[in-house]
N, C-alpha and C. Protein backbone atom coordinates (compact mmCIF):
# COMPACT_ATOMS: atom_id res chain seq x y z
N MET A 1 118.69 57.07 128.59
CA MET A 1 119.37 57.50 129.68
C MET A 1 118.98 58.87 130.24
N ALA A 2 118.68 59.25 131.32
CA ALA A 2 118.18 60.47 132.03
C ALA A 2 119.31 61.43 131.97
N GLU A 3 119.03 62.82 131.52
CA GLU A 3 120.09 63.75 131.41
C GLU A 3 120.36 64.08 132.81
N GLN A 4 121.59 64.39 133.00
CA GLN A 4 121.85 64.93 134.47
C GLN A 4 121.45 66.41 134.50
N ARG A 5 120.92 66.72 135.71
CA ARG A 5 120.51 68.04 135.85
C ARG A 5 121.66 68.88 136.47
N THR A 6 121.77 70.21 136.00
CA THR A 6 122.67 71.01 136.46
C THR A 6 121.99 72.43 136.65
N GLU A 7 122.56 73.17 137.53
CA GLU A 7 121.79 74.55 137.83
C GLU A 7 121.59 75.21 136.47
N TRP A 8 122.55 75.18 135.35
CA TRP A 8 122.31 75.75 134.16
C TRP A 8 120.91 75.19 133.38
N SER A 9 120.76 73.65 133.39
CA SER A 9 119.62 73.07 132.71
C SER A 9 118.43 73.32 133.52
N ASP A 10 118.45 73.35 134.87
CA ASP A 10 117.15 73.79 135.50
C ASP A 10 116.81 75.07 135.20
N ARG A 11 117.64 76.14 135.22
CA ARG A 11 117.21 77.43 134.76
C ARG A 11 116.84 77.54 133.42
N THR A 12 117.43 76.92 132.71
CA THR A 12 117.02 76.88 131.12
C THR A 12 115.78 76.31 130.94
N GLN A 13 115.45 75.08 131.59
CA GLN A 13 114.09 74.60 131.55
C GLN A 13 113.24 75.14 131.95
N ILE A 14 113.22 76.18 133.25
CA ILE A 14 112.22 76.82 133.90
C ILE A 14 111.97 78.18 133.19
N HIS A 15 113.09 78.86 132.31
CA HIS A 15 112.67 79.77 131.38
C HIS A 15 111.87 79.29 130.37
N ASP A 16 112.26 78.12 129.74
CA ASP A 16 111.42 77.42 128.68
C ASP A 16 110.05 77.36 129.03
N VAL A 17 109.72 77.01 130.39
CA VAL A 17 108.21 76.86 130.64
C VAL A 17 107.49 78.21 130.44
N ILE A 18 108.11 79.29 131.01
CA ILE A 18 107.57 80.58 130.91
C ILE A 18 107.18 81.03 129.42
N LEU A 19 108.28 80.48 128.47
CA LEU A 19 108.05 81.27 127.00
C LEU A 19 107.15 80.09 126.47
N ARG A 20 107.12 78.78 126.75
CA ARG A 20 105.95 77.91 126.32
C ARG A 20 104.54 78.43 126.59
N TYR A 21 104.41 78.92 127.91
CA TYR A 21 102.97 79.54 128.22
C TYR A 21 102.83 80.64 127.48
N CYS A 22 103.77 81.56 127.27
CA CYS A 22 103.43 82.91 126.42
C CYS A 22 103.14 82.49 125.18
N ARG A 23 103.95 81.57 124.31
CA ARG A 23 103.63 81.19 122.92
C ARG A 23 102.28 80.70 122.87
N GLY A 24 101.89 79.74 123.76
CA GLY A 24 100.75 78.95 123.74
C GLY A 24 99.55 79.95 123.85
N ILE A 25 99.65 81.03 124.85
CA ILE A 25 98.37 82.01 124.99
C ILE A 25 98.43 82.81 123.66
N ASP A 26 99.35 83.18 123.25
CA ASP A 26 99.21 84.27 122.06
C ASP A 26 99.02 83.26 120.81
N ARG A 27 99.25 82.19 120.52
CA ARG A 27 98.89 81.29 119.42
C ARG A 27 97.80 80.53 119.47
N LEU A 28 97.00 80.45 120.64
CA LEU A 28 95.96 79.85 120.92
C LEU A 28 96.14 78.28 120.88
N ASP A 29 97.32 77.89 121.42
CA ASP A 29 97.72 76.47 121.47
C ASP A 29 97.52 76.11 122.82
N PHE A 30 96.25 75.70 123.50
CA PHE A 30 96.15 75.21 124.79
C PHE A 30 96.72 74.06 125.47
N ASP A 31 97.19 73.24 124.49
CA ASP A 31 97.92 72.05 124.92
C ASP A 31 99.46 72.48 125.23
N LEU A 32 99.88 73.68 124.43
CA LEU A 32 101.22 74.09 124.97
C LEU A 32 101.24 74.81 126.07
N VAL A 33 99.98 75.78 126.44
CA VAL A 33 99.85 76.34 127.59
C VAL A 33 99.79 75.20 128.71
N ARG A 34 99.01 74.18 128.59
CA ARG A 34 98.73 73.04 129.59
C ARG A 34 100.16 72.42 129.81
N SER A 35 101.01 72.32 129.08
CA SER A 35 102.19 71.78 129.16
C SER A 35 103.16 72.76 130.20
N ALA A 36 102.83 73.91 130.34
CA ALA A 36 103.63 74.88 131.37
C ALA A 36 103.40 74.52 132.85
N TYR A 37 102.30 73.58 132.94
CA TYR A 37 101.72 73.57 134.57
C TYR A 37 101.72 72.03 134.54
N HIS A 38 101.80 71.78 136.19
CA HIS A 38 101.47 70.48 136.55
C HIS A 38 100.20 70.28 136.51
N PRO A 39 99.66 68.87 136.42
CA PRO A 39 98.17 68.68 136.27
C PRO A 39 97.44 69.32 137.45
N ASP A 40 97.93 69.41 138.76
CA ASP A 40 97.35 69.74 140.01
C ASP A 40 97.64 71.29 140.19
N ALA A 41 98.04 72.17 139.28
CA ALA A 41 98.82 73.25 139.50
C ALA A 41 97.39 74.29 139.82
N ILE A 42 97.73 75.45 140.39
CA ILE A 42 96.74 76.39 140.67
C ILE A 42 97.12 77.83 139.99
N ASP A 43 96.21 78.56 139.48
CA ASP A 43 96.65 79.84 138.96
C ASP A 43 95.80 80.85 139.41
N HIS A 44 96.29 81.97 139.60
CA HIS A 44 95.74 83.30 140.19
C HIS A 44 95.86 84.32 139.24
N HIS A 45 94.90 84.77 138.47
CA HIS A 45 94.90 85.66 137.42
C HIS A 45 94.00 86.75 137.83
N THR A 46 94.03 88.09 137.26
CA THR A 46 92.86 89.12 137.35
C THR A 46 91.69 88.43 136.80
N GLY A 47 90.67 88.26 137.56
CA GLY A 47 89.37 87.82 137.37
C GLY A 47 89.25 86.23 137.41
N PHE A 48 90.45 85.47 137.97
CA PHE A 48 90.38 83.90 137.94
C PHE A 48 91.21 83.57 139.21
N ASP A 49 90.77 82.54 139.90
CA ASP A 49 91.47 81.97 140.98
C ASP A 49 91.08 80.53 141.20
N GLY A 50 91.94 79.61 140.79
CA GLY A 50 91.47 78.28 140.85
C GLY A 50 92.55 77.22 140.16
N LYS A 51 92.23 75.90 139.86
CA LYS A 51 92.93 75.06 139.24
C LYS A 51 93.02 75.14 137.82
N VAL A 52 94.20 74.59 137.18
CA VAL A 52 94.77 74.95 136.07
C VAL A 52 93.74 74.68 134.85
N ASP A 53 92.99 73.43 135.01
CA ASP A 53 91.94 72.99 134.11
C ASP A 53 91.00 73.98 134.02
N ASP A 54 90.46 74.51 135.26
CA ASP A 54 89.50 75.55 135.25
C ASP A 54 90.02 76.92 134.63
N TYR A 55 91.12 77.23 134.95
CA TYR A 55 91.91 78.16 134.23
C TYR A 55 91.75 78.14 132.68
N LEU A 56 92.17 77.07 132.13
CA LEU A 56 92.11 76.93 130.70
C LEU A 56 90.69 77.07 130.28
N ALA A 57 89.63 76.61 131.07
CA ALA A 57 88.38 76.64 130.43
C ALA A 57 87.75 77.87 130.49
N TRP A 58 88.44 78.69 131.55
CA TRP A 58 87.93 80.16 131.47
C TRP A 58 88.41 81.16 130.52
N VAL A 59 89.81 80.85 130.33
CA VAL A 59 90.66 81.80 129.46
C VAL A 59 90.53 81.42 127.91
N GLU A 60 90.41 80.17 127.57
CA GLU A 60 90.32 79.73 126.17
C GLU A 60 89.13 80.48 125.55
N PRO A 61 88.00 80.49 125.88
CA PRO A 61 86.71 81.11 124.95
C PRO A 61 87.15 82.70 125.14
N LYS A 62 87.54 83.22 125.95
CA LYS A 62 87.92 84.64 126.04
C LYS A 62 88.92 84.97 124.93
N LEU A 63 89.98 84.25 124.60
CA LEU A 63 90.85 84.48 123.85
C LEU A 63 90.36 84.09 122.37
N ARG A 64 89.79 83.18 122.27
CA ARG A 64 89.15 82.73 121.09
C ARG A 64 88.11 83.58 120.43
N ALA A 65 87.41 84.38 121.26
CA ALA A 65 86.50 85.62 120.96
C ALA A 65 87.04 86.80 120.60
N ARG A 66 88.40 86.90 120.84
CA ARG A 66 89.17 88.06 120.39
C ARG A 66 89.31 88.22 118.85
N THR A 67 88.92 89.33 118.43
CA THR A 67 88.98 89.63 116.93
C THR A 67 90.64 89.82 116.51
N GLY A 68 91.29 90.34 117.47
CA GLY A 68 92.61 90.68 117.37
C GLY A 68 93.75 89.65 117.63
N GLY A 69 94.18 89.93 118.84
CA GLY A 69 95.29 88.81 119.51
C GLY A 69 95.95 89.48 120.73
N THR A 70 96.93 88.65 121.13
CA THR A 70 97.63 89.01 122.27
C THR A 70 99.26 88.71 121.98
N MET A 71 100.02 89.50 122.64
CA MET A 71 101.66 89.33 122.60
C MET A 71 101.97 89.34 123.91
N HIS A 72 102.60 88.36 124.47
CA HIS A 72 103.16 88.46 125.74
C HIS A 72 104.66 88.46 125.70
N MET A 73 105.53 89.42 125.97
CA MET A 73 106.86 89.65 125.97
C MET A 73 107.46 89.48 127.41
N VAL A 74 108.56 88.52 127.50
CA VAL A 74 109.03 88.51 128.76
C VAL A 74 110.45 89.16 128.92
N ALA A 75 110.58 90.09 129.88
CA ALA A 75 111.86 90.64 129.99
C ALA A 75 112.73 90.08 131.12
N ASN A 76 112.84 90.78 132.35
CA ASN A 76 113.85 90.24 133.58
C ASN A 76 113.05 88.95 133.87
N HIS A 77 114.02 88.01 134.21
CA HIS A 77 113.54 86.54 134.59
C HIS A 77 114.64 86.21 135.58
N LEU A 78 114.16 85.90 136.97
CA LEU A 78 115.14 85.46 137.95
C LEU A 78 114.47 84.24 138.51
N VAL A 79 115.40 83.37 138.87
CA VAL A 79 114.91 82.10 139.56
C VAL A 79 115.82 81.92 140.71
N ASP A 80 115.10 81.36 141.73
CA ASP A 80 115.51 81.10 143.10
C ASP A 80 115.44 79.55 143.09
N LEU A 81 116.72 78.64 142.73
CA LEU A 81 116.59 77.18 142.91
C LEU A 81 116.46 76.63 144.19
N LEU A 82 115.74 75.86 144.73
CA LEU A 82 115.57 75.35 145.86
C LEU A 82 115.45 73.81 145.80
N GLY A 83 116.40 73.11 145.38
CA GLY A 83 116.31 71.71 145.04
C GLY A 83 115.40 71.44 143.79
N ASP A 84 114.32 70.64 144.05
CA ASP A 84 113.21 70.26 143.15
C ASP A 84 112.10 71.07 143.30
N THR A 85 112.47 72.58 143.85
CA THR A 85 111.25 73.55 143.77
C THR A 85 111.91 74.66 143.41
N ALA A 86 111.39 75.60 142.87
CA ALA A 86 111.97 77.00 142.53
C ALA A 86 111.04 78.06 142.69
N ILE A 87 111.50 79.38 142.83
CA ILE A 87 110.63 80.62 142.77
C ILE A 87 111.06 81.24 141.24
N SER A 88 110.11 81.48 140.56
CA SER A 88 110.63 82.14 139.18
C SER A 88 109.65 83.47 139.24
N GLU A 89 110.51 84.45 138.74
CA GLU A 89 109.74 85.69 138.80
C GLU A 89 110.12 86.44 137.48
N SER A 90 109.16 86.66 136.54
CA SER A 90 109.29 87.04 135.31
C SER A 90 108.68 88.31 135.08
N TYR A 91 109.28 89.54 134.69
CA TYR A 91 108.57 90.68 134.28
C TYR A 91 108.42 90.73 132.97
N GLY A 92 107.15 91.25 132.58
CA GLY A 92 106.83 91.37 130.90
C GLY A 92 105.78 92.29 130.86
N THR A 93 105.50 92.26 129.57
CA THR A 93 104.44 93.16 128.94
C THR A 93 103.50 92.36 128.10
N SER A 94 102.11 92.57 128.36
CA SER A 94 101.31 91.88 127.37
C SER A 94 100.23 92.84 126.83
N VAL A 95 100.45 92.71 125.64
CA VAL A 95 99.61 93.62 124.66
C VAL A 95 98.38 92.96 124.09
N HIS A 96 97.22 93.47 124.20
CA HIS A 96 95.93 92.82 123.81
C HIS A 96 95.16 93.81 122.77
N TRP A 97 94.87 93.44 121.53
CA TRP A 97 94.34 94.25 120.54
C TRP A 97 92.93 93.54 119.83
N GLY A 98 92.01 94.28 119.62
CA GLY A 98 90.85 93.72 118.73
C GLY A 98 89.73 94.63 118.54
N GLU A 99 88.60 94.15 118.27
CA GLU A 99 87.39 94.97 117.88
C GLU A 99 86.40 94.90 119.10
N PRO A 100 85.87 96.04 119.25
CA PRO A 100 85.78 97.41 118.81
C PRO A 100 86.94 98.13 118.93
N ALA A 101 87.58 98.79 117.77
CA ALA A 101 88.77 99.45 117.99
C ALA A 101 88.81 100.55 119.08
N ASP A 102 87.56 100.98 119.26
CA ASP A 102 87.56 102.10 120.44
C ASP A 102 87.42 101.43 122.01
N SER A 103 87.50 100.17 121.85
CA SER A 103 87.18 99.55 123.17
C SER A 103 88.49 99.50 123.89
N SER A 104 88.56 100.09 125.22
CA SER A 104 89.78 100.03 126.09
C SER A 104 89.93 98.71 126.62
N ARG A 105 88.88 97.91 126.75
CA ARG A 105 88.80 96.26 127.19
C ARG A 105 89.50 95.35 126.05
N ALA A 106 89.36 95.97 124.93
CA ALA A 106 89.81 95.22 123.84
C ALA A 106 91.30 95.42 123.27
N ASN A 107 91.69 96.81 123.78
CA ASN A 107 92.85 97.12 123.45
C ASN A 107 93.66 98.16 124.34
N PHE A 108 94.47 97.22 125.03
CA PHE A 108 95.29 97.77 126.09
C PHE A 108 96.70 96.91 126.31
N THR A 109 97.33 97.44 127.14
CA THR A 109 98.94 96.95 127.42
C THR A 109 98.93 97.02 128.97
N SER A 110 99.48 95.66 129.36
CA SER A 110 99.79 95.69 130.77
C SER A 110 101.05 95.37 131.20
N GLY A 111 101.57 95.72 132.23
CA GLY A 111 103.08 95.38 132.97
C GLY A 111 102.60 94.23 133.72
N VAL A 112 103.09 93.20 133.64
CA VAL A 112 102.75 92.20 134.44
C VAL A 112 104.20 91.35 135.14
N ARG A 113 103.79 90.56 136.27
CA ARG A 113 104.90 89.94 136.54
C ARG A 113 104.50 88.52 136.86
N PHE A 114 104.95 87.49 136.33
CA PHE A 114 104.54 86.08 136.75
C PHE A 114 105.44 85.42 137.69
N VAL A 115 104.68 85.44 139.07
CA VAL A 115 105.49 84.95 140.10
C VAL A 115 104.90 83.39 140.21
N ASP A 116 105.95 82.43 139.97
CA ASP A 116 105.56 81.30 139.65
C ASP A 116 106.34 80.22 140.89
N HIS A 117 105.71 79.44 141.52
CA HIS A 117 106.32 78.13 142.28
C HIS A 117 106.48 77.06 141.41
N MET A 118 107.80 77.03 140.95
CA MET A 118 108.01 75.75 139.90
C MET A 118 108.39 74.69 140.67
N ALA A 119 108.01 73.39 140.06
CA ALA A 119 108.41 72.22 140.72
C ALA A 119 108.88 71.30 139.68
N PHE A 120 110.00 70.44 140.07
CA PHE A 120 110.65 69.44 139.35
C PHE A 120 109.84 68.17 139.70
N ARG A 121 108.94 67.61 138.74
CA ARG A 121 108.20 66.26 139.18
C ARG A 121 108.09 65.52 137.68
N ASP A 122 108.40 64.21 137.98
CA ASP A 122 108.32 63.46 136.71
C ASP A 122 109.05 63.77 135.56
N GLY A 123 110.42 64.19 136.15
CA GLY A 123 111.46 64.53 134.87
C GLY A 123 111.23 65.76 134.30
N ARG A 124 110.44 66.89 134.72
CA ARG A 124 110.25 68.07 134.34
C ARG A 124 109.97 69.19 135.20
N TRP A 125 110.38 70.31 134.84
CA TRP A 125 110.02 71.47 135.50
C TRP A 125 108.74 72.09 134.97
N ALA A 126 107.71 72.52 135.80
CA ALA A 126 106.49 72.88 135.41
C ALA A 126 105.78 73.85 136.65
N ILE A 127 104.88 74.71 136.30
CA ILE A 127 104.35 75.38 137.22
C ILE A 127 103.33 74.81 138.20
N ALA A 128 103.66 74.96 139.56
CA ALA A 128 102.72 74.31 140.54
C ALA A 128 101.86 75.22 140.98
N GLU A 129 102.17 76.56 141.03
CA GLU A 129 101.22 77.56 141.41
C GLU A 129 101.81 78.94 140.60
N ARG A 130 100.86 79.58 140.26
CA ARG A 130 101.13 80.99 139.48
C ARG A 130 100.51 81.92 139.79
N TRP A 131 101.01 83.21 140.14
CA TRP A 131 100.30 84.61 140.41
C TRP A 131 100.78 85.53 139.39
N ALA A 132 99.78 85.84 138.45
CA ALA A 132 99.79 86.57 137.35
C ALA A 132 99.51 88.21 137.83
N VAL A 133 100.66 88.78 138.33
CA VAL A 133 100.37 90.10 138.77
C VAL A 133 100.26 91.04 138.09
N ARG A 134 99.25 91.81 137.85
CA ARG A 134 99.08 93.06 136.94
C ARG A 134 99.50 94.17 137.66
N GLU A 135 100.78 94.73 137.12
CA GLU A 135 101.21 95.73 137.91
C GLU A 135 100.52 97.18 137.54
N TRP A 136 100.45 97.24 136.08
CA TRP A 136 99.73 98.49 135.52
C TRP A 136 99.03 98.07 134.17
N THR A 137 98.17 98.92 133.79
CA THR A 137 97.38 98.68 132.54
C THR A 137 97.08 100.01 131.91
N LYS A 138 97.18 100.27 130.56
CA LYS A 138 97.02 101.45 130.09
C LYS A 138 96.30 101.13 128.76
N SER A 139 95.37 101.89 128.24
CA SER A 139 94.52 101.90 127.13
C SER A 139 95.40 102.22 125.96
N ASP A 140 95.11 101.42 124.83
CA ASP A 140 95.82 101.59 123.59
C ASP A 140 94.85 102.10 122.46
N VAL A 141 93.62 102.42 123.02
CA VAL A 141 92.52 102.92 121.81
C VAL A 141 93.30 103.93 121.15
N GLY A 142 93.11 103.90 119.73
CA GLY A 142 93.45 104.76 118.99
C GLY A 142 95.07 104.99 118.61
N LEU A 143 95.71 103.95 119.01
CA LEU A 143 97.25 103.85 118.75
C LEU A 143 97.60 103.00 117.66
N ARG A 144 96.79 102.08 117.48
CA ARG A 144 97.23 101.06 116.37
C ARG A 144 97.15 101.64 114.97
N ILE A 145 98.01 101.32 114.07
CA ILE A 145 97.91 101.62 112.71
C ILE A 145 98.21 100.64 111.90
N HIS A 146 97.79 100.51 110.50
CA HIS A 146 97.87 99.38 109.76
C HIS A 146 99.41 99.31 109.19
N LYS A 147 99.75 98.01 108.77
CA LYS A 147 101.09 97.90 108.28
C LYS A 147 101.19 98.71 106.90
N GLU A 148 102.40 98.95 106.78
CA GLU A 148 102.94 100.01 105.68
C GLU A 148 102.96 99.26 104.34
N GLY A 149 102.91 97.92 104.40
CA GLY A 149 103.08 97.27 103.09
C GLY A 149 102.75 95.75 103.18
N ASP A 150 102.85 95.01 102.30
CA ASP A 150 102.88 93.63 102.35
C ASP A 150 103.99 92.93 103.00
N GLY A 151 103.57 91.78 103.52
CA GLY A 151 104.64 91.17 104.29
C GLY A 151 104.09 90.05 105.19
N PRO A 152 104.82 89.40 105.93
CA PRO A 152 104.34 88.29 106.89
C PRO A 152 103.43 88.93 107.87
N ALA A 153 102.42 88.10 108.12
CA ALA A 153 101.26 88.55 109.16
C ALA A 153 101.06 87.34 109.99
N GLY A 154 100.97 87.85 111.45
CA GLY A 154 100.70 86.77 112.37
C GLY A 154 99.30 86.37 112.25
N SER A 155 99.20 85.10 112.72
CA SER A 155 97.45 84.72 112.76
C SER A 155 97.58 83.65 113.84
N ARG A 156 96.49 83.53 114.38
CA ARG A 156 96.18 82.47 115.44
C ARG A 156 95.69 81.18 115.06
N ASP A 157 96.11 80.59 113.72
CA ASP A 157 95.66 79.53 113.35
C ASP A 157 96.80 79.00 112.47
N SER A 158 96.55 77.94 111.46
CA SER A 158 97.48 77.12 110.76
C SER A 158 98.11 78.02 109.91
N HIS A 159 97.80 79.36 109.48
CA HIS A 159 98.41 80.27 108.53
C HIS A 159 99.51 81.03 109.07
N ASP A 160 99.69 80.90 110.42
CA ASP A 160 101.02 81.78 111.07
C ASP A 160 102.13 81.20 110.44
N PRO A 161 103.18 82.17 110.37
CA PRO A 161 104.48 81.59 109.82
C PRO A 161 105.29 80.40 110.70
N LEU A 162 105.05 80.64 112.05
CA LEU A 162 105.63 79.74 112.97
C LEU A 162 105.06 78.18 112.72
N ILE A 163 103.81 78.14 112.49
CA ILE A 163 102.96 76.78 112.14
C ILE A 163 103.48 76.42 110.83
N GLN A 164 103.57 77.28 109.96
CA GLN A 164 104.16 76.83 108.53
C GLN A 164 105.52 76.22 108.53
N LEU A 165 106.36 76.84 109.44
CA LEU A 165 107.79 76.52 109.38
C LEU A 165 107.87 75.09 110.05
N GLN A 166 107.15 75.03 111.24
CA GLN A 166 107.17 73.70 111.98
C GLN A 166 106.58 72.56 111.04
N ARG A 167 105.65 72.67 110.39
CA ARG A 167 105.19 71.67 109.47
C ARG A 167 106.14 71.50 108.34
N ARG A 168 106.69 72.51 107.89
CA ARG A 168 107.57 72.27 106.74
C ARG A 168 108.90 71.47 107.24
N LEU A 169 109.35 71.65 108.39
CA LEU A 169 110.69 71.17 108.92
C LEU A 169 110.43 69.79 109.47
N SER A 170 109.30 69.46 109.78
CA SER A 170 108.90 68.22 110.46
C SER A 170 108.42 67.26 109.51
N ALA A 171 108.06 67.68 108.37
CA ALA A 171 107.77 66.79 107.10
C ALA A 171 108.71 65.81 106.74
């Protein structure tokens, strides 16, 4: 039986779309990234403009080649619901780090806004068109320091604590 849609459930599902995208990008889970979009979606990023499949083909090798990682954090999120379509605006910060350590192209932080045309189709909310607006970027060269001791460490593979927990709880 299909769940009845409410304003609250629509807003929650749209917010989850944004968070799935961020997790997928940061963990290199491109099936998860793809799940944030409708199959015919369009994406507009710095350096890219086109269909979602082309965006994924463009971004995946760039992120896999990074020796460090990325972390996308969402802050303000506002949704204008318009029936089966919505305008979603998410403010956030995206941090990028990698080698060489003295490269400002590998080590930077950007203030971003995701301006999304969301659509409810086939029983789910997803991105129909996205504008990844880069508001500002600053170099983080020379700002990273090593952890002060042993402890959990993130990775973009099966050793990440999230993946380990998912596997353990689904077994």
